[in-house]
Amino acid sequence: MTYDNEGRFVPQRFEDIFAKYDRGNKGGLDAWDLLRFHKGQRMVFDFFGWSAAFLEWHAVYLLLWPEDGICRKDDIRRIFDGSIFQQKADEYAVKQRTWSRLEGIESGA
């Protein structure tokens, strides 16, 4: 949908997704918007494609895990360009350092 037949990212198609499915101009898609998007973009009798697309967007939602339930446009764009994975790795590293400090305090070190 956001890529052409040669595998190039098309920013206008990406923007069109949010223009069409972002109800209420939230700046992102909530779970209901994602379901409407999934239903609106599926091909007739492509049951495997429906399942794959659903699992893919479910994984996106789980990866982002938005506090307010809205997957922001910038976060979804970072998934497309791959930079979200470095951000998540950095967040994980910070969380690990915090946990190791707390464990050191609890053990009396």
PDB file of N, CA and C in Angstrom:
ATOM      1  N   MET A   1       0.809  -1.189   0.000  1.00  0.00           N
ATOM      2  CA  MET A   1       0.000   0.000   0.000  1.00  0.00           C
ATOM      3  C   MET A   1       0.858   1.261   0.000  1.00  0.00           C
ATOM      4  N   THR A   2       1.891   1.281   0.808  1.00  0.00           N
ATOM      5  CA  THR A   2       2.738   2.464   0.839  1.00  0.00           C
ATOM      6  C   THR A   2       3.991   2.298  -0.010  1.00  0.00           C
ATOM      7  N   TYR A   3       4.125   1.143  -0.636  1.00  0.00           N
ATOM      8  CA  TYR A   3       5.258   0.895  -1.516  1.00  0.00           C
ATOM      9  C   TYR A   3       4.745   0.704  -2.934  1.00  0.00           C
ATOM     10  N   ASP A   4       5.570   1.090  -3.921  1.00  0.00           N
ATOM     11  CA  ASP A   4       5.179   0.848  -5.309  1.00  0.00           C
ATOM     12  C   ASP A   4       5.595  -0.561  -5.719  1.00  0.00           C
ATOM     13  N   ASN A   5       5.383  -0.905  -6.975  1.00  0.00           N
ATOM     14  CA  ASN A   5       5.669  -2.261  -7.451  1.00  0.00           C
ATOM     15  C   ASN A   5       7.155  -2.592  -7.450  1.00  0.00           C
ATOM     16  N   GLU A   6       8.005  -1.594  -7.359  1.00  0.00           N
ATOM     17  CA  GLU A   6       9.447  -1.825  -7.345  1.00  0.00           C
ATOM     18  C   GLU A   6      10.029  -1.745  -5.939  1.00  0.00           C
ATOM     19  N   GLY A   7       9.166  -1.649  -4.922  1.00  0.00           N
ATOM     20  CA  GLY A   7       9.619  -1.670  -3.539  1.00  0.00           C
ATOM     21  C   GLY A   7      10.046  -0.330  -2.983  1.00  0.00           C
ATOM     22  N   ARG A   8       9.717   0.751  -3.653  1.00  0.00           N
ATOM     23  CA  ARG A   8      10.073   2.090  -3.157  1.00  0.00           C
ATOM     24  C   ARG A   8       8.943   2.640  -2.290  1.00  0.00           C
ATOM     25  N   PHE A   9       9.331   3.271  -1.195  1.00  0.00           N
ATOM     26  CA  PHE A   9       8.366   3.899  -0.289  1.00  0.00           C
ATOM     27  C   PHE A   9       7.766   5.120  -0.969  1.00  0.00           C
ATOM     28  N   VAL A  10       6.439   5.231  -0.947  1.00  0.00           N
ATOM     29  CA  VAL A  10       5.732   6.364  -1.551  1.00  0.00           C
ATOM     30  C   VAL A  10       5.081   7.152  -0.423  1.00  0.00           C
ATOM     31  N   PRO A  11       5.679   8.293  -0.040  1.00  0.00           N
ATOM     32  CA  PRO A  11       5.151   9.063   1.098  1.00  0.00           C
ATOM     33  C   PRO A  11       3.693   9.481   0.943  1.00  0.00           C
ATOM     34  N   GLN A  12       3.256   9.790  -0.261  1.00  0.00           N
ATOM     35  CA  GLN A  12       1.878  10.230  -0.452  1.00  0.00           C
ATOM     36  C   GLN A  12       0.890   9.120  -0.108  1.00  0.00           C
ATOM     37  N   ARG A  13       1.209   7.889  -0.439  1.00  0.00           N
ATOM     38  CA  ARG A  13       0.336   6.768  -0.082  1.00  0.00           C
ATOM     39  C   ARG A  13       0.267   6.594   1.431  1.00  0.00           C
ATOM     40  N   PHE A  14       1.398   6.810   2.084  1.00  0.00           N
ATOM     41  CA  PHE A  14       1.433   6.741   3.549  1.00  0.00           C
ATOM     42  C   PHE A  14       0.518   7.804   4.149  1.00  0.00           C
ATOM     43  N   GLU A  15       0.625   9.024   3.643  1.00  0.00           N
ATOM     44  CA  GLU A  15      -0.223  10.119   4.135  1.00  0.00           C
ATOM     45  C   GLU A  15      -1.694   9.848   3.841  1.00  0.00           C
ATOM     46  N   ASP A  16      -1.977   9.223   2.707  1.00  0.00           N
ATOM     47  CA  ASP A  16      -3.364   8.924   2.347  1.00  0.00           C
ATOM     48  C   ASP A  16      -4.025   7.983   3.344  1.00  0.00           C
ATOM     49  N   ILE A  17      -3.266   7.071   3.916  1.00  0.00           N
ATOM     50  CA  ILE A  17      -3.809   6.152   4.925  1.00  0.00           C
ATOM     51  C   ILE A  17      -4.372   6.951   6.094  1.00  0.00           C
ATOM     52  N   PHE A  18      -3.602   7.928   6.555  1.00  0.00           N
ATOM     53  CA  PHE A  18      -4.039   8.712   7.716  1.00  0.00           C
ATOM     54  C   PHE A  18      -5.144   9.687   7.346  1.00  0.00           C
ATOM     55  N   ALA A  19      -5.105  10.216   6.138  1.00  0.00           N
ATOM     56  CA  ALA A  19      -6.168  11.120   5.699  1.00  0.00           C
ATOM     57  C   ALA A  19      -7.505  10.384   5.633  1.00  0.00           C
ATOM     58  N   LYS A  20      -7.463   9.114   5.238  1.00  0.00           N
ATOM     59  CA  LYS A  20      -8.702   8.363   5.063  1.00  0.00           C
ATOM     60  C   LYS A  20      -9.192   7.698   6.345  1.00  0.00           C
ATOM     61  N   TYR A  21      -8.284   7.186   7.159  1.00  0.00           N
ATOM     62  CA  TYR A  21      -8.699   6.340   8.285  1.00  0.00           C
ATOM     63  C   TYR A  21      -8.531   6.969   9.667  1.00  0.00           C
ATOM     64  N   ASP A  22      -7.879   8.095   9.780  1.00  0.00           N
ATOM     65  CA  ASP A  22      -7.710   8.757  11.076  1.00  0.00           C
ATOM     66  C   ASP A  22      -8.953   9.585  11.381  1.00  0.00           C
ATOM     67  N   ARG A  23      -9.912   8.946  12.023  1.00  0.00           N
ATOM     68  CA  ARG A  23     -11.144   9.661  12.366  1.00  0.00           C
ATOM     69  C   ARG A  23     -10.888  10.547  13.571  1.00  0.00           C
ATOM     70  N   GLY A  24     -11.275  11.787  13.458  1.00  0.00           N
ATOM     71  CA  GLY A  24     -11.124  12.724  14.553  1.00  0.00           C
ATOM     72  C   GLY A  24      -9.778  13.437  14.553  1.00  0.00           C
ATOM     73  N   ASN A  25      -8.975  13.259  13.516  1.00  0.00           N
ATOM     74  CA  ASN A  25      -7.670  13.944  13.407  1.00  0.00           C
ATOM     75  C   ASN A  25      -6.840  13.811  14.677  1.00  0.00           C
ATOM     76  N   LYS A  26      -6.627  12.584  15.115  1.00  0.00           N
ATOM     77  CA  LYS A  26      -5.869  12.321  16.333  1.00  0.00           C
ATOM     78  C   LYS A  26      -4.365  12.346  16.093  1.00  0.00           C
ATOM     79  N   GLY A  27      -3.958  12.331  14.838  1.00  0.00           N
ATOM     80  CA  GLY A  27      -2.533  12.272  14.528  1.00  0.00           C
ATOM     81  C   GLY A  27      -2.015  10.850  14.491  1.00  0.00           C
ATOM     82  N   GLY A  28      -2.932   9.896  14.513  1.00  0.00           N
ATOM     83  CA  GLY A  28      -2.558   8.487  14.487  1.00  0.00           C
ATOM     84  C   GLY A  28      -3.792   7.625  14.367  1.00  0.00           C
ATOM     85  N   LEU A  29      -3.588   6.338  14.491  1.00  0.00           N
ATOM     86  CA  LEU A  29      -4.676   5.381  14.342  1.00  0.00           C
ATOM     87  C   LEU A  29      -4.882   4.611  15.639  1.00  0.00           C
ATOM     88  N   ASP A  30      -6.128   4.571  16.100  1.00  0.00           N
ATOM     89  CA  ASP A  30      -6.421   3.724  17.254  1.00  0.00           C
ATOM     90  C   ASP A  30      -6.815   2.336  16.750  1.00  0.00           C
ATOM     91  N   ALA A  31      -7.181   1.449  17.638  1.00  0.00           N
ATOM     92  CA  ALA A  31      -7.486   0.067  17.255  1.00  0.00           C
ATOM     93  C   ALA A  31      -8.656   0.001  16.277  1.00  0.00           C
ATOM     94  N   TRP A  32      -9.673   0.832  16.470  1.00  0.00           N
ATOM     95  CA  TRP A  32     -10.830   0.809  15.566  1.00  0.00           C
ATOM     96  C   TRP A  32     -10.449   1.351  14.194  1.00  0.00           C
ATOM     97  N   ASP A  33      -9.606   2.384  14.148  1.00  0.00           N
ATOM     98  CA  ASP A  33      -9.122   2.891  12.863  1.00  0.00           C
ATOM     99  C   ASP A  33      -8.329   1.818  12.128  1.00  0.00           C
ATOM    100  N   LEU A  34      -7.505   1.083  12.873  1.00  0.00           N
ATOM    101  CA  LEU A  34      -6.718   0.012  12.252  1.00  0.00           C
ATOM    102  C   LEU A  34      -7.620  -1.084  11.687  1.00  0.00           C
ATOM    103  N   LEU A  35      -8.703  -1.402  12.396  1.00  0.00           N
ATOM    104  CA  LEU A  35      -9.645  -2.397  11.874  1.00  0.00           C
ATOM    105  C   LEU A  35     -10.349  -1.898  10.615  1.00  0.00           C
ATOM    106  N   ARG A  36     -10.753  -0.617  10.599  1.00  0.00           N
ATOM    107  CA  ARG A  36     -11.363  -0.048   9.397  1.00  0.00           C
ATOM    108  C   ARG A  36     -10.363  -0.025   8.243  1.00  0.00           C
ATOM    109  N   PHE A  37      -9.117   0.306   8.546  1.00  0.00           N
ATOM    110  CA  PHE A  37      -8.054   0.300   7.541  1.00  0.00           C
ATOM    111  C   PHE A  37      -7.867  -1.105   6.974  1.00  0.00           C
ATOM    112  N   HIS A  38      -7.814  -2.090   7.846  1.00  0.00           N
ATOM    113  CA  HIS A  38      -7.643  -3.476   7.417  1.00  0.00           C
ATOM    114  C   HIS A  38      -8.800  -3.908   6.519  1.00  0.00           C
ATOM    115  N   LYS A  39     -10.003  -3.583   6.922  1.00  0.00           N
ATOM    116  CA  LYS A  39     -11.183  -3.971   6.148  1.00  0.00           C
ATOM    117  C   LYS A  39     -11.230  -3.234   4.813  1.00  0.00           C
ATOM    118  N   GLY A  40     -10.836  -1.982   4.806  1.00  0.00           N
ATOM    119  CA  GLY A  40     -10.903  -1.181   3.593  1.00  0.00           C
ATOM    120  C   GLY A  40      -9.832  -1.509   2.565  1.00  0.00           C
ATOM    121  N   GLN A  41      -8.758  -2.145   2.972  1.00  0.00           N
ATOM    122  CA  GLN A  41      -7.648  -2.409   2.060  1.00  0.00           C
ATOM    123  C   GLN A  41      -7.532  -3.867   1.631  1.00  0.00           C
ATOM    124  N   ARG A  42      -8.363  -4.728   2.149  1.00  0.00           N
ATOM    125  CA  ARG A  42      -8.204  -6.137   1.836  1.00  0.00           C
ATOM    126  C   ARG A  42      -8.769  -6.477   0.457  1.00  0.00           C
ATOM    127  N   MET A  43      -8.217  -7.537  -0.123  1.00  0.00           N
ATOM    128  CA  MET A  43      -8.629  -8.016  -1.439  1.00  0.00           C
ATOM    129  C   MET A  43      -9.650  -9.145  -1.257  1.00  0.00           C
ATOM    130  N   VAL A  44     -10.588  -9.232  -2.176  1.00  0.00           N
ATOM    131  CA  VAL A  44     -11.637 -10.240  -2.114  1.00  0.00           C
ATOM    132  C   VAL A  44     -11.027 -11.647  -2.203  1.00  0.00           C
ATOM    133  N   PHE A  45     -11.472 -12.525  -1.347  1.00  0.00           N
ATOM    134  CA  PHE A  45     -11.078 -13.939  -1.311  1.00  0.00           C
ATOM    135  C   PHE A  45      -9.581 -14.168  -1.093  1.00  0.00           C
ATOM    136  N   ASP A  46      -8.880 -13.180  -0.587  1.00  0.00           N
ATOM    137  CA  ASP A  46      -7.456 -13.358  -0.266  1.00  0.00           C
ATOM    138  C   ASP A  46      -7.349 -13.614   1.238  1.00  0.00           C
ATOM    139  N   PHE A  47      -7.787 -14.777   1.656  1.00  0.00           N
ATOM    140  CA  PHE A  47      -7.856 -15.087   3.078  1.00  0.00           C
ATOM    141  C   PHE A  47      -6.471 -15.103   3.726  1.00  0.00           C
ATOM    142  N   PHE A  48      -5.491 -15.612   3.023  1.00  0.00           N
ATOM    143  CA  PHE A  48      -4.132 -15.600   3.554  1.00  0.00           C
ATOM    144  C   PHE A  48      -3.646 -14.158   3.723  1.00  0.00           C
ATOM    145  N   GLY A  49      -3.908 -13.307   2.750  1.00  0.00           N
ATOM    146  CA  GLY A  49      -3.517 -11.894   2.838  1.00  0.00           C
ATOM    147  C   GLY A  49      -4.202 -11.181   3.988  1.00  0.00           C
ATOM    148  N   TRP A  50      -5.475 -11.489   4.205  1.00  0.00           N
ATOM    149  CA  TRP A  50      -6.195 -10.888   5.335  1.00  0.00           C
ATOM    150  C   TRP A  50      -5.529 -11.255   6.640  1.00  0.00           C
ATOM    151  N   SER A  51      -5.235 -12.542   6.776  1.00  0.00           N
ATOM    152  CA  SER A  51      -4.623 -13.026   8.019  1.00  0.00           C
ATOM    153  C   SER A  51      -3.235 -12.431   8.222  1.00  0.00           C
ATOM    154  N   ALA A  52      -2.447 -12.414   7.161  1.00  0.00           N
ATOM    155  CA  ALA A  52      -1.085 -11.884   7.263  1.00  0.00           C
ATOM    156  C   ALA A  52      -1.106 -10.396   7.611  1.00  0.00           C
ATOM    157  N   ALA A  53      -1.982  -9.646   6.965  1.00  0.00           N
ATOM    158  CA  ALA A  53      -2.068  -8.211   7.240  1.00  0.00           C
ATOM    159  C   ALA A  53      -2.539  -7.956   8.667  1.00  0.00           C
ATOM    160  N   PHE A  54      -3.516  -8.738   9.118  1.00  0.00           N
ATOM    161  CA  PHE A  54      -3.995  -8.575  10.489  1.00  0.00           C
ATOM    162  C   PHE A  54      -2.874  -8.849  11.489  1.00  0.00           C
ATOM    163  N   LEU A  55      -2.156  -9.943  11.293  1.00  0.00           N
ATOM    164  CA  LEU A  55      -1.058 -10.280  12.206  1.00  0.00           C
ATOM    165  C   LEU A  55       0.050  -9.229  12.155  1.00  0.00           C
ATOM    166  N   GLU A  56       0.331  -8.711  10.973  1.00  0.00           N
ATOM    167  CA  GLU A  56       1.358  -7.684  10.829  1.00  0.00           C
ATOM    168  C   GLU A  56       0.992  -6.423  11.595  1.00  0.00           C
ATOM    169  N   TRP A  57      -0.250  -5.947  11.427  1.00  0.00           N
ATOM    170  CA  TRP A  57      -0.648  -4.725  12.127  1.00  0.00           C
ATOM    171  C   TRP A  57      -0.851  -4.962  13.614  1.00  0.00           C
ATOM    172  N   HIS A  58      -1.213  -6.170  13.981  1.00  0.00           N
ATOM    173  CA  HIS A  58      -1.291  -6.508  15.405  1.00  0.00           C
ATOM    174  C   HIS A  58       0.108  -6.446  16.023  1.00  0.00           C
ATOM    175  N   ALA A  59       1.088  -6.947  15.304  1.00  0.00           N
ATOM    176  CA  ALA A  59       2.472  -6.885  15.783  1.00  0.00           C
ATOM    177  C   ALA A  59       2.950  -5.442  15.891  1.00  0.00           C
ATOM    178  N   VAL A  60       2.556  -4.599  14.942  1.00  0.00           N
ATOM    179  CA  VAL A  60       2.904  -3.174  15.008  1.00  0.00           C
ATOM    180  C   VAL A  60       2.319  -2.554  16.264  1.00  0.00           C
ATOM    181  N   TYR A  61       1.052  -2.841  16.527  1.00  0.00           N
ATOM    182  CA  TYR A  61       0.399  -2.284  17.714  1.00  0.00           C
ATOM    183  C   TYR A  61       1.096  -2.755  18.987  1.00  0.00           C
ATOM    184  N   LEU A  62       1.445  -4.047  19.037  1.00  0.00           N
ATOM    185  CA  LEU A  62       2.129  -4.568  20.217  1.00  0.00           C
ATOM    186  C   LEU A  62       3.530  -3.974  20.366  1.00  0.00           C
ATOM    187  N   LEU A  63       4.228  -3.765  19.264  1.00  0.00           N
ATOM    188  CA  LEU A  63       5.554  -3.166  19.315  1.00  0.00           C
ATOM    189  C   LEU A  63       5.490  -1.733  19.842  1.00  0.00           C
ATOM    190  N   LEU A  64       4.540  -0.975  19.345  1.00  0.00           N
ATOM    191  CA  LEU A  64       4.427   0.429  19.768  1.00  0.00           C
ATOM    192  C   LEU A  64       3.795   0.534  21.157  1.00  0.00           C
ATOM    193  N   TRP A  65       2.823  -0.302  21.432  1.00  0.00           N
ATOM    194  CA  TRP A  65       2.077  -0.319  22.687  1.00  0.00           C
ATOM    195  C   TRP A  65       1.816   1.097  23.206  1.00  0.00           C
ATOM    196  N   PRO A  66       0.976   1.844  22.478  1.00  0.00           N
ATOM    197  CA  PRO A  66       0.722   3.234  22.855  1.00  0.00           C
ATOM    198  C   PRO A  66      -0.055   3.346  24.165  1.00  0.00           C
ATOM    199  N   GLU A  67       0.393   4.243  25.022  1.00  0.00           N
ATOM    200  CA  GLU A  67      -0.250   4.453  26.327  1.00  0.00           C
ATOM    201  C   GLU A  67      -1.705   4.888  26.172  1.00  0.00           C
ATOM    202  N   ASP A  68      -1.967   5.770  25.201  1.00  0.00           N
ATOM    203  CA  ASP A  68      -3.314   6.295  25.009  1.00  0.00           C
ATOM    204  C   ASP A  68      -4.108   5.513  23.960  1.00  0.00           C
ATOM    205  N   GLY A  69      -3.513   4.442  23.404  1.00  0.00           N
ATOM    206  CA  GLY A  69      -4.211   3.611  22.437  1.00  0.00           C
ATOM    207  C   GLY A  69      -4.120   4.090  21.002  1.00  0.00           C
ATOM    208  N   ILE A  70      -3.340   5.140  20.748  1.00  0.00           N
ATOM    209  CA  ILE A  70      -3.233   5.698  19.402  1.00  0.00           C
ATOM    210  C   ILE A  70      -1.817   5.490  18.876  1.00  0.00           C
ATOM    211  N   CYS A  71      -1.700   4.751  17.778  1.00  0.00           N
ATOM    212  CA  CYS A  71      -0.400   4.572  17.115  1.00  0.00           C
ATOM    213  C   CYS A  71      -0.124   5.829  16.307  1.00  0.00           C
ATOM    214  N   ARG A  72       0.835   6.603  16.729  1.00  0.00           N
ATOM    215  CA  ARG A  72       1.150   7.880  16.085  1.00  0.00           C
ATOM    216  C   ARG A  72       1.769   7.675  14.706  1.00  0.00           C
ATOM    217  N   LYS A  73       1.509   8.639  13.845  1.00  0.00           N
ATOM    218  CA  LYS A  73       2.005   8.591  12.485  1.00  0.00           C
ATOM    219  C   LYS A  73       3.521   8.500  12.445  1.00  0.00           C
ATOM    220  N   ASP A  74       4.205   9.263  13.278  1.00  0.00           N
ATOM    221  CA  ASP A  74       5.676   9.244  13.292  1.00  0.00           C
ATOM    222  C   ASP A  74       6.220   7.892  13.718  1.00  0.00           C
ATOM    223  N   ASP A  75       5.570   7.255  14.675  1.00  0.00           N
ATOM    224  CA  ASP A  75       6.010   5.929  15.116  1.00  0.00           C
ATOM    225  C   ASP A  75       5.828   4.889  14.014  1.00  0.00           C
ATOM    226  N   ILE A  76       4.706   4.959  13.324  1.00  0.00           N
ATOM    227  CA  ILE A  76       4.464   4.015  12.230  1.00  0.00           C
ATOM    228  C   ILE A  76       5.449   4.262  11.098  1.00  0.00           C
ATOM    229  N   ARG A  77       5.765   5.526  10.824  1.00  0.00           N
ATOM    230  CA  ARG A  77       6.761   5.834   9.788  1.00  0.00           C
ATOM    231  C   ARG A  77       8.125   5.267  10.183  1.00  0.00           C
ATOM    232  N   ARG A  78       8.456   5.311  11.481  1.00  0.00           N
ATOM    233  CA  ARG A  78       9.727   4.738  11.937  1.00  0.00           C
ATOM    234  C   ARG A  78       9.769   3.223  11.749  1.00  0.00           C
ATOM    235  N   ILE A  79       8.626   2.579  11.789  1.00  0.00           N
ATOM    236  CA  ILE A  79       8.603   1.141  11.496  1.00  0.00           C
ATOM    237  C   ILE A  79       8.947   0.917  10.030  1.00  0.00           C
ATOM    238  N   PHE A  80       8.378   1.748   9.145  1.00  0.00           N
ATOM    239  CA  PHE A  80       8.651   1.598   7.724  1.00  0.00           C
ATOM    240  C   PHE A  80      10.122   1.844   7.393  1.00  0.00           C
ATOM    241  N   ASP A  81      10.772   2.795   8.062  1.00  0.00           N
ATOM    242  CA  ASP A  81      12.183   3.047   7.734  1.00  0.00           C
ATOM    243  C   ASP A  81      13.145   2.268   8.632  1.00  0.00           C
ATOM    244  N   GLY A  82      12.623   1.562   9.640  1.00  0.00           N
ATOM    245  CA  GLY A  82      13.438   0.686  10.463  1.00  0.00           C
ATOM    246  C   GLY A  82      14.064   1.332  11.686  1.00  0.00           C
ATOM    247  N   SER A  83      13.897   2.624  11.875  1.00  0.00           N
ATOM    248  CA  SER A  83      14.541   3.299  13.001  1.00  0.00           C
ATOM    249  C   SER A  83      13.858   3.021  14.339  1.00  0.00           C
ATOM    250  N   ILE A  84      12.654   2.490  14.328  1.00  0.00           N
ATOM    251  CA  ILE A  84      11.952   2.190  15.583  1.00  0.00           C
ATOM    252  C   ILE A  84      12.692   1.135  16.385  1.00  0.00           C
ATOM    253  N   PHE A  85      13.406   0.248  15.694  1.00  0.00           N
ATOM    254  CA  PHE A  85      14.071  -0.849  16.389  1.00  0.00           C
ATOM    255  C   PHE A  85      15.244  -0.360  17.224  1.00  0.00           C
ATOM    256  N   GLN A  86      15.959   0.648  16.739  1.00  0.00           N
ATOM    257  CA  GLN A  86      17.028   1.235  17.537  1.00  0.00           C
ATOM    258  C   GLN A  86      16.449   1.970  18.745  1.00  0.00           C
ATOM    259  N   GLN A  87      15.350   2.674  18.534  1.00  0.00           N
ATOM    260  CA  GLN A  87      14.686   3.381  19.638  1.00  0.00           C
ATOM    261  C   GLN A  87      14.239   2.394  20.711  1.00  0.00           C
ATOM    262  N   LYS A  88      13.627   1.287  20.307  1.00  0.00           N
ATOM    263  CA  LYS A  88      13.164   0.288  21.269  1.00  0.00           C
ATOM    264  C   LYS A  88      14.346  -0.360  21.988  1.00  0.00           C
ATOM    265  N   ALA A  89      15.445  -0.587  21.278  1.00  0.00           N
ATOM    266  CA  ALA A  89      16.645  -1.153  21.913  1.00  0.00           C
ATOM    267  C   ALA A  89      17.202  -0.188  22.954  1.00  0.00           C
ATOM    268  N   ASP A  90      17.208   1.111  22.645  1.00  0.00           N
ATOM    269  CA  ASP A  90      17.685   2.112  23.607  1.00  0.00           C
ATOM    270  C   ASP A  90      16.779   2.160  24.836  1.00  0.00           C
ATOM    271  N   GLU A  91      15.461   2.116  24.618  1.00  0.00           N
ATOM    272  CA  GLU A  91      14.523   2.116  25.731  1.00  0.00           C
ATOM    273  C   GLU A  91      14.728   0.889  26.615  1.00  0.00           C
ATOM    274  N   TYR A  92      14.956  -0.258  25.985  1.00  0.00           N
ATOM    275  CA  TYR A  92      15.191  -1.490  26.725  1.00  0.00           C
ATOM    276  C   TYR A  92      16.473  -1.397  27.548  1.00  0.00           C
ATOM    277  N   ALA A  93      17.523  -0.814  26.972  1.00  0.00           N
ATOM    278  CA  ALA A  93      18.795  -0.671  27.687  1.00  0.00           C
ATOM    279  C   ALA A  93      18.636   0.227  28.908  1.00  0.00           C
ATOM    280  N   VAL A  94      17.893   1.309  28.773  1.00  0.00           N
ATOM    281  CA  VAL A  94      17.647   2.205  29.902  1.00  0.00           C
ATOM    282  C   VAL A  94      16.874   1.469  30.991  1.00  0.00           C
ATOM    283  N   LYS A  95      15.860   0.695  30.576  1.00  0.00           N
ATOM    284  CA  LYS A  95      15.066  -0.063  31.542  1.00  0.00           C
ATOM    285  C   LYS A  95      15.939  -1.085  32.269  1.00  0.00           C
ATOM    286  N   GLN A  96      16.844  -1.733  31.554  1.00  0.00           N
ATOM    287  CA  GLN A  96      17.722  -2.721  32.174  1.00  0.00           C
ATOM    288  C   GLN A  96      18.669  -2.074  33.178  1.00  0.00           C
ATOM    289  N   ARG A  97      19.207  -0.899  32.834  1.00  0.00           N
ATOM    290  CA  ARG A  97      20.088  -0.190  33.773  1.00  0.00           C
ATOM    291  C   ARG A  97      19.327   0.212  35.022  1.00  0.00           C
ATOM    292  N   THR A  98      18.096   0.668  34.854  1.00  0.00           N
ATOM    293  CA  THR A  98      17.274   1.062  35.996  1.00  0.00           C
ATOM    294  C   THR A  98      17.006  -0.142  36.895  1.00  0.00           C
ATOM    295  N   TRP A  99      16.659  -1.288  36.305  1.00  0.00           N
ATOM    296  CA  TRP A  99      16.388  -2.482  37.087  1.00  0.00           C
ATOM    297  C   TRP A  99      17.637  -2.964  37.820  1.00  0.00           C
ATOM    298  N   SER A 100      18.780  -2.882  37.157  1.00  0.00           N
ATOM    299  CA  SER A 100      20.003  -3.356  37.824  1.00  0.00           C
ATOM    300  C   SER A 100      20.366  -2.437  38.994  1.00  0.00           C
ATOM    301  N   ARG A 101      20.111  -1.141  38.858  1.00  0.00           N
ATOM    302  CA  ARG A 101      20.359  -0.215  39.980  1.00  0.00           C
ATOM    303  C   ARG A 101      19.420  -0.520  41.142  1.00  0.00           C
ATOM    304  N   LEU A 102      18.158  -0.779  40.833  1.00  0.00           N
ATOM    305  CA  LEU A 102      17.192  -1.086  41.888  1.00  0.00           C
ATOM    306  C   LEU A 102      17.540  -2.399  42.585  1.00  0.00           C
ATOM    307  N   GLU A 103      18.006  -3.369  41.839  1.00  0.00           N
ATOM    308  CA  GLU A 103      18.407  -4.627  42.458  1.00  0.00           C
ATOM    309  C   GLU A 103      19.623  -4.421  43.365  1.00  0.00           C
ATOM    310  N   GLY A 104      20.535  -3.527  42.968  1.00  0.00           N
ATOM    311  CA  GLY A 104      21.696  -3.227  43.801  1.00  0.00           C
ATOM    312  C   GLY A 104      21.314  -2.551  45.105  1.00  0.00           C
ATOM    313  N   ILE A 105      20.310  -1.684  45.057  1.00  0.00           N
ATOM    314  CA  ILE A 105      19.831  -0.997  46.245  1.00  0.00           C
ATOM    315  C   ILE A 105      19.141  -1.985  47.183  1.00  0.00           C
ATOM    316  N   GLU A 106      18.318  -2.874  46.610  1.00  0.00           N
ATOM    317  CA  GLU A 106      17.596  -3.855  47.441  1.00  0.00           C
ATOM    318  C   GLU A 106      18.522  -4.851  48.115  1.00  0.00           C
ATOM    319  N   SER A 107      19.634  -5.194  47.454  1.00  0.00           N
ATOM    320  CA  SER A 107      20.536  -6.180  48.039  1.00  0.00           C
ATOM    321  C   SER A 107      21.483  -5.541  49.050  1.00  0.00           C
ATOM    322  N   GLY A 108      21.455  -4.216  49.154  1.00  0.00           N
ATOM    323  CA  GLY A 108      22.284  -3.521  50.131  1.00  0.00           C
ATOM    324  C   GLY A 108      23.685  -3.239  49.661  1.00  0.00           C
ATOM    325  N   ALA A 109      23.923  -3.328  48.369  1.00  0.00           N
ATOM    326  CA  ALA A 109      25.266  -3.096  47.835  1.00  0.00           C
ATOM    327  C   ALA A 109      25.584  -1.632  47.735  1.00  0.00           C
TER     328      ALA A 109
END
